[in-house]
Amino acid sequence: MESSTNQAKIVVVGSCSVDFTTYAPRLPQPGETLHGTKFATSFGGKGANQCVAAAKLGANTYMISRVGEDFWGKKYIHNLKSFGINVTHTKETKDVTTGIAQISVAANGENQIVIVPGANNYLSVTDINEAQILIQDADVLISQLETPFDTTHEAFRLCKGVRLLNAAPASTNIENLLKLCTVLCVNESEAALLVGFEVTLSNIKDTLNKLLDYGCETVIITLGSKGAAYSTQRDICVHVQCSNVVPVDTTGAGDAFVGALATFMATHKKLPFHQIIGAACDVASKSVTKEGTQSSFPDKYNPFEVVYQYIML
């Protein structure tokens, strides 16, 4: 089996945020106050989550980001270092708070999230140019939409490897990014915003075709417990199924998928793509069986012992 995680260079341009999470029997309705069952503070942000997911799977990881010059910023840099992530290009920003996310989690695993970007909004093109050599040499460069779009655009322009865009949180007016990305990864709601109609498994092929028209080489739509669907060519759509698990906390599952996807694309290039997608789904499935975000991501293991089931749609 092909395996070179210690050599795969995964570079993440993205966000660092501190998660303040409350757990309750269900999610509140507008204007409603509920009694929660637990409160937890943890490290999050889509960029850092994806970087940690890759690092825990054994990838050689680098984080290009900004935190506040505050208590949480210093704690966050220490947290990244604890996973072996290179933080040379993670900078503290004066007079700005570290980004935060307020998360509510229901007993059935559903969640609601409100983000205050803070220092994430200060990640700049200058930061990218200072890391130019690192970005150019990345096996996979990951970015999301929690930091300025022009910063990601510059990083994608420089990168000679795989450019993986997780277009989340959902946003429009990202056509310039889509033209530069090798792989676009979105969930159903994010895909719906980009294509302008509700996305279901019954119209997934039409959705993938429309997203490919933006210029991406590969489009992946994650489908939660139903796995993921992808396409690398118009009218050829593959639905990869995943194992059934009982969810405890779905927060960060998409980030676990993206971090695993980047790692496996770099370390298992010779495998069929449906196996890589299936393995990434397996990592995400394991993450939802535990509470928390980064703490729920599985450590290095071999998800390729399974032959993942797929259907041509």
Protein backbone atom coordinates (compact mmCIF):
# COMPACT_ATOMS: atom_id res chain seq x y z
CA MET A 1 0.00 0.00 0.00
CA GLU A 2 1.26 3.45 -0.95
CA SER A 3 2.11 5.43 2.19
CA SER A 4 4.21 8.57 2.60
CA THR A 5 2.38 10.76 5.10
CA ASN A 6 5.65 11.97 6.59
CA GLN A 7 6.57 13.52 3.22
CA ALA A 8 3.19 14.95 2.16
CA LYS A 9 3.19 18.72 2.55
CA ILE A 10 -0.29 20.07 3.38
CA VAL A 11 -0.46 23.87 3.60
CA VAL A 12 -3.60 25.52 4.98
CA VAL A 13 -4.47 29.16 4.36
CA GLY A 14 -7.36 29.85 6.68
CA SER A 15 -8.98 30.66 9.97
CA CYS A 16 -8.26 30.07 13.63
CA SER A 17 -11.15 30.55 16.04
CA VAL A 18 -11.93 29.63 19.61
CA ASP A 19 -15.15 27.63 20.01
CA PHE A 20 -17.51 28.37 22.89
CA THR A 21 -19.90 25.42 22.80
CA THR A 22 -23.13 24.83 24.68
CA TYR A 23 -24.93 21.50 24.70
CA ALA A 24 -28.71 21.29 25.07
CA PRO A 25 -31.50 18.74 24.48
CA ARG A 26 -32.41 20.56 21.25
CA LEU A 27 -31.60 23.74 19.35
CA PRO A 28 -33.52 26.86 20.48
CA GLN A 29 -36.20 28.53 18.40
CA PRO A 30 -35.82 32.28 17.67
CA GLY A 31 -36.29 34.22 20.91
CA GLU A 32 -36.33 31.08 23.03
CA THR A 33 -34.10 30.42 26.06
CA LEU A 34 -33.20 26.82 26.87
CA HIS A 35 -31.43 25.20 29.82
CA GLY A 36 -28.24 23.60 28.56
CA THR A 37 -26.50 20.53 29.89
CA LYS A 38 -22.83 21.45 29.41
CA PHE A 39 -20.42 24.17 28.28
CA ALA A 40 -16.99 23.70 26.71
CA THR A 41 -14.25 25.93 25.31
CA SER A 42 -12.10 24.49 22.54
CA PHE A 43 -10.04 25.40 19.49
CA GLY A 44 -11.72 25.65 16.08
CA GLY A 45 -11.99 27.65 12.89
CA LYS A 46 -12.37 25.76 9.63
CA GLY A 47 -8.80 26.31 8.49
CA ALA A 48 -7.16 25.18 11.70
CA ASN A 49 -9.60 22.28 12.07
CA GLN A 50 -8.67 20.99 8.63
CA CYS A 51 -4.98 21.42 9.38
CA VAL A 52 -5.31 19.50 12.66
CA ALA A 53 -7.29 16.72 10.96
CA ALA A 54 -4.47 16.31 8.42
CA ALA A 55 -1.78 16.48 11.11
CA LYS A 56 -3.47 13.81 13.22
CA LEU A 57 -3.48 11.53 10.17
CA GLY A 58 0.29 11.95 9.86
CA ALA A 59 0.64 14.68 7.22
CA ASN A 60 3.40 17.30 7.28
CA THR A 61 1.27 20.39 7.96
CA TYR A 62 1.73 24.16 7.81
CA MET A 63 -0.74 26.81 8.98
CA ILE A 64 -0.87 30.28 7.38
CA SER A 65 -3.24 32.33 9.53
CA ARG A 66 -3.72 35.19 11.97
CA VAL A 67 -4.75 35.24 15.60
CA GLY A 68 -5.18 38.14 17.99
CA GLU A 69 -2.35 39.40 20.17
CA ASP A 70 -4.34 38.26 23.18
CA PHE A 71 -4.68 35.37 25.62
CA TRP A 72 -6.49 33.15 23.13
CA GLY A 73 -4.08 33.90 20.29
CA LYS A 74 -1.09 32.70 22.30
CA LYS A 75 -3.04 29.64 23.49
CA TYR A 76 -4.01 28.86 19.91
CA ILE A 77 -0.46 28.92 18.58
CA HIS A 78 0.56 26.58 21.42
CA ASN A 79 -2.34 24.29 20.48
CA LEU A 80 -1.24 24.08 16.84
CA LYS A 81 2.32 23.31 17.88
CA SER A 82 1.05 20.47 20.10
CA PHE A 83 -0.11 18.65 16.93
CA GLY A 84 3.25 19.15 15.24
CA ILE A 85 1.92 21.85 12.90
CA ASN A 86 4.45 24.38 11.57
CA VAL A 87 3.29 27.84 12.74
CA THR A 88 6.04 29.97 11.21
CA HIS A 89 3.38 31.82 9.22
CA THR A 90 0.74 32.03 11.97
CA LYS A 91 0.95 35.64 13.16
CA GLU A 92 -0.36 37.51 16.17
CA THR A 93 -2.24 40.70 15.22
CA LYS A 94 -2.17 43.83 17.38
CA ASP A 95 -5.37 45.48 18.63
CA VAL A 96 -7.59 42.69 17.26
CA THR A 97 -9.22 39.77 19.05
CA THR A 98 -8.73 36.17 18.04
CA GLY A 99 -11.70 34.87 16.06
CA ILE A 100 -14.46 33.13 18.00
CA ALA A 101 -17.34 30.80 17.21
CA GLN A 102 -20.44 30.44 19.36
CA ILE A 103 -21.80 26.91 18.89
CA SER A 104 -24.99 25.25 20.09
CA VAL A 105 -25.20 21.45 19.89
CA ALA A 106 -28.43 19.45 20.26
CA ALA A 107 -28.73 15.96 21.71
CA ASN A 108 -29.23 14.52 18.21
CA GLY A 109 -25.89 16.01 17.07
CA GLU A 110 -27.29 18.95 15.08
CA ASN A 111 -25.60 22.31 15.57
CA GLN A 112 -25.90 26.07 15.02
CA ILE A 113 -22.82 28.29 14.72
CA VAL A 114 -22.25 32.07 14.85
CA ILE A 115 -18.77 33.28 13.89
CA VAL A 116 -17.00 36.55 14.81
CA PRO A 117 -13.91 36.58 12.51
CA GLY A 118 -11.66 38.96 14.46
CA ALA A 119 -8.02 38.54 13.35
CA ASN A 120 -9.07 36.16 10.55
CA ASN A 121 -10.17 39.20 8.54
CA TYR A 122 -6.57 40.49 8.63
CA LEU A 123 -4.98 37.57 6.79
CA SER A 124 -3.58 39.40 3.77
CA VAL A 125 -1.97 39.05 0.37
CA THR A 126 1.26 40.22 2.03
CA ASP A 127 1.09 37.19 4.34
CA ILE A 128 0.76 34.96 1.28
CA ASN A 129 3.69 36.55 -0.53
CA GLU A 130 5.86 36.08 2.56
CA ALA A 131 5.05 32.35 2.41
CA GLN A 132 5.40 32.13 -1.38
CA ILE A 133 8.00 29.34 -1.50
CA LEU A 134 6.04 27.20 0.97
CA ILE A 135 2.82 27.66 -1.01
CA GLN A 136 4.46 26.94 -4.36
CA ASP A 137 5.87 23.65 -3.08
CA ALA A 138 2.71 22.40 -1.31
CA ASP A 139 1.38 19.00 -2.36
CA VAL A 140 -2.08 20.24 -1.41
CA LEU A 141 -3.08 23.79 -0.52
CA ILE A 142 -6.36 24.07 1.41
CA SER A 143 -8.44 27.19 1.88
CA GLN A 144 -11.99 28.10 2.93
CA LEU A 145 -14.16 31.23 3.03
CA GLU A 146 -13.54 32.41 6.61
CA THR A 147 -10.65 34.65 5.52
CA PRO A 148 -10.54 37.33 2.76
CA PHE A 149 -11.19 36.01 -0.75
CA ASP A 150 -8.33 37.97 -2.35
CA THR A 151 -5.89 36.30 0.06
CA THR A 152 -7.03 32.86 -1.04
CA HIS A 153 -6.97 33.95 -4.69
CA GLU A 154 -3.30 34.94 -4.40
CA ALA A 155 -2.42 31.67 -2.68
CA PHE A 156 -4.16 29.63 -5.37
CA ARG A 157 -2.42 31.65 -8.06
CA LEU A 158 0.98 30.80 -6.61
CA CYS A 159 0.40 27.12 -5.80
CA LYS A 160 1.74 24.55 -8.24
CA GLY A 161 0.11 21.60 -6.49
CA VAL A 162 -3.50 20.66 -5.78
CA ARG A 163 -5.64 23.66 -4.80
CA LEU A 164 -8.50 22.48 -2.60
CA LEU A 165 -11.27 24.96 -1.86
CA ASN A 166 -13.81 24.20 0.83
CA ALA A 167 -16.37 26.88 -0.10
CA ALA A 168 -17.66 27.30 3.44
CA PRO A 169 -19.35 29.13 5.01
CA ALA A 170 -21.69 29.33 2.02
CA SER A 171 -21.05 32.36 -0.17
CA THR A 172 -21.60 33.71 -3.68
CA ASN A 173 -19.37 35.86 -5.92
CA ILE A 174 -16.45 33.42 -5.71
CA GLU A 175 -16.20 32.70 -9.44
CA ASN A 176 -12.59 33.93 -9.57
CA LEU A 177 -11.63 31.41 -6.89
CA LEU A 178 -13.48 28.57 -8.58
CA LYS A 179 -11.55 29.12 -11.80
CA LEU A 180 -8.29 28.54 -9.93
CA CYS A 181 -9.23 25.60 -7.71
CA THR A 182 -8.35 22.02 -8.58
CA VAL A 183 -10.92 20.51 -6.21
CA LEU A 184 -14.09 22.17 -4.91
CA CYS A 185 -15.64 20.61 -1.81
CA VAL A 186 -19.05 21.78 -0.54
CA ASN A 187 -22.00 20.37 1.36
CA GLU A 188 -25.57 20.37 0.04
CA SER A 189 -26.54 23.82 1.35
CA GLU A 190 -23.31 25.41 0.13
CA ALA A 191 -23.79 23.82 -3.29
CA ALA A 192 -27.39 25.08 -3.40
CA LEU A 193 -26.28 28.68 -2.92
CA LEU A 194 -23.78 28.36 -5.76
CA VAL A 195 -26.16 26.73 -8.26
CA GLY A 196 -29.37 28.53 -7.30
CA PHE A 197 -31.60 25.54 -6.55
CA GLU A 198 -32.18 23.01 -3.76
CA VAL A 199 -29.72 20.15 -3.94
CA THR A 200 -30.84 16.56 -3.34
CA LEU A 201 -29.48 13.18 -4.28
CA SER A 202 -32.01 13.04 -7.13
CA ASN A 203 -30.50 16.10 -8.88
CA ILE A 204 -26.91 15.68 -7.74
CA LYS A 205 -25.62 15.04 -11.27
CA ASP A 206 -27.10 18.32 -12.55
CA THR A 207 -25.60 20.10 -9.55
CA LEU A 208 -22.14 18.65 -10.15
CA ASN A 209 -22.31 19.52 -13.86
CA LYS A 210 -23.18 23.12 -13.09
CA LEU A 211 -20.36 23.43 -10.54
CA LEU A 212 -17.86 21.93 -12.99
CA ASP A 213 -18.84 24.68 -15.44
CA TYR A 214 -17.22 27.21 -13.10
CA GLY A 215 -13.83 25.76 -14.08
CA CYS A 216 -12.92 23.36 -11.26
CA GLU A 217 -11.31 20.07 -12.26
CA THR A 218 -13.13 18.04 -9.59
CA VAL A 219 -16.25 18.78 -7.53
CA ILE A 220 -17.21 16.93 -4.35
CA ILE A 221 -20.52 17.37 -2.52
CA THR A 222 -20.61 15.92 0.98
CA LEU A 223 -23.95 14.40 1.94
CA GLY A 224 -23.66 13.80 5.68
CA SER A 225 -24.72 10.28 6.62
CA LYS A 226 -25.28 9.50 2.91
CA GLY A 227 -21.57 9.84 2.12
CA ALA A 228 -20.42 12.04 -0.76
CA ALA A 229 -20.87 12.46 -4.50
CA TYR A 230 -18.21 13.65 -6.91
CA SER A 231 -17.52 14.29 -10.55
CA THR A 232 -14.40 14.95 -12.59
CA GLN A 233 -16.17 14.97 -15.95
CA ARG A 234 -19.60 16.16 -17.04
CA ASP A 235 -22.38 13.57 -16.78
CA ILE A 236 -20.18 11.10 -14.86
CA CYS A 237 -21.25 11.19 -11.22
CA VAL A 238 -20.13 8.80 -8.48
CA HIS A 239 -21.93 8.42 -5.15
CA VAL A 240 -19.70 6.97 -2.43
CA GLN A 241 -21.57 5.57 0.54
CA CYS A 242 -20.32 5.59 4.12
CA SER A 243 -20.90 3.45 7.19
CA ASN A 244 -23.79 4.23 9.50
CA VAL A 245 -22.88 5.63 12.91
CA VAL A 246 -24.83 7.15 15.79
CA PRO A 247 -23.92 10.87 15.82
CA VAL A 248 -23.00 12.51 19.11
CA ASP A 249 -21.73 15.86 17.78
CA THR A 250 -21.53 16.72 14.06
CA THR A 251 -19.49 19.90 14.63
CA GLY A 252 -16.36 19.81 12.48
CA ALA A 253 -17.29 16.70 10.48
CA GLY A 254 -16.87 18.58 7.21
CA ASP A 255 -13.45 19.81 8.34
CA ALA A 256 -12.41 16.27 9.24
CA PHE A 257 -13.43 15.22 5.72
CA VAL A 258 -11.44 18.01 4.04
CA GLY A 259 -8.30 17.44 6.11
CA ALA A 260 -8.46 13.71 5.42
CA LEU A 261 -9.19 14.28 1.72
CA ALA A 262 -6.11 16.49 1.34
CA THR A 263 -3.92 14.00 3.17
CA PHE A 264 -5.09 10.98 1.19
CA MET A 265 -4.89 12.81 -2.14
CA ALA A 266 -1.24 13.51 -1.38
CA THR A 267 -0.32 10.11 0.06
CA HIS A 268 -2.45 7.65 -1.94
CA LYS A 269 -2.38 9.11 -5.44
CA LYS A 270 -2.50 5.71 -7.15
CA LEU A 271 -5.75 4.59 -5.52
CA PRO A 272 -9.13 5.00 -7.27
CA PHE A 273 -10.66 8.33 -6.30
CA HIS A 274 -13.76 6.67 -4.83
CA GLN A 275 -11.47 4.94 -2.31
CA ILE A 276 -9.95 8.28 -1.30
CA ILE A 277 -13.43 9.80 -0.91
CA GLY A 278 -14.61 6.77 1.05
CA ALA A 279 -11.62 6.96 3.40
CA ALA A 280 -12.26 10.67 4.00
CA CYS A 281 -15.91 9.85 4.75
CA ASP A 282 -14.72 7.22 7.24
CA VAL A 283 -12.61 9.82 9.06
CA ALA A 284 -15.60 12.21 9.19
CA SER A 285 -17.88 9.42 10.42
CA LYS A 286 -15.50 8.61 13.26
CA SER A 287 -15.37 12.28 14.25
CA VAL A 288 -19.14 12.60 14.81
CA THR A 289 -19.15 9.78 17.37
CA LYS A 290 -17.34 12.02 19.88
CA GLU A 291 -18.02 15.42 21.37
CA GLY A 292 -15.89 18.38 20.35
CA THR A 293 -14.15 19.38 17.15
CA GLN A 294 -10.38 18.89 16.92
CA SER A 295 -10.47 16.50 19.87
CA SER A 296 -12.91 14.28 17.97
CA PHE A 297 -10.70 13.84 14.90
CA PRO A 298 -9.17 10.35 14.74
CA ASP A 299 -5.44 9.79 15.08
CA LYS A 300 -3.46 8.08 12.35
CA TYR A 301 -5.01 4.75 11.31
CA ASN A 302 -5.57 2.82 8.08
CA PRO A 303 -9.01 3.52 6.57
CA PHE A 304 -8.05 1.76 3.34
CA GLU A 305 -8.60 -1.72 4.73
CA VAL A 306 -12.22 -1.25 3.61
CA VAL A 307 -13.43 -1.40 0.01
CA TYR A 308 -15.89 1.50 -0.13
CA GLN A 309 -19.18 1.00 -1.93
CA TYR A 310 -20.09 3.38 -4.74
CA ILE A 311 -22.84 3.89 -7.30
CA MET A 312 -22.56 5.49 -10.73
CA LEU A 313 -25.44 7.98 -11.05
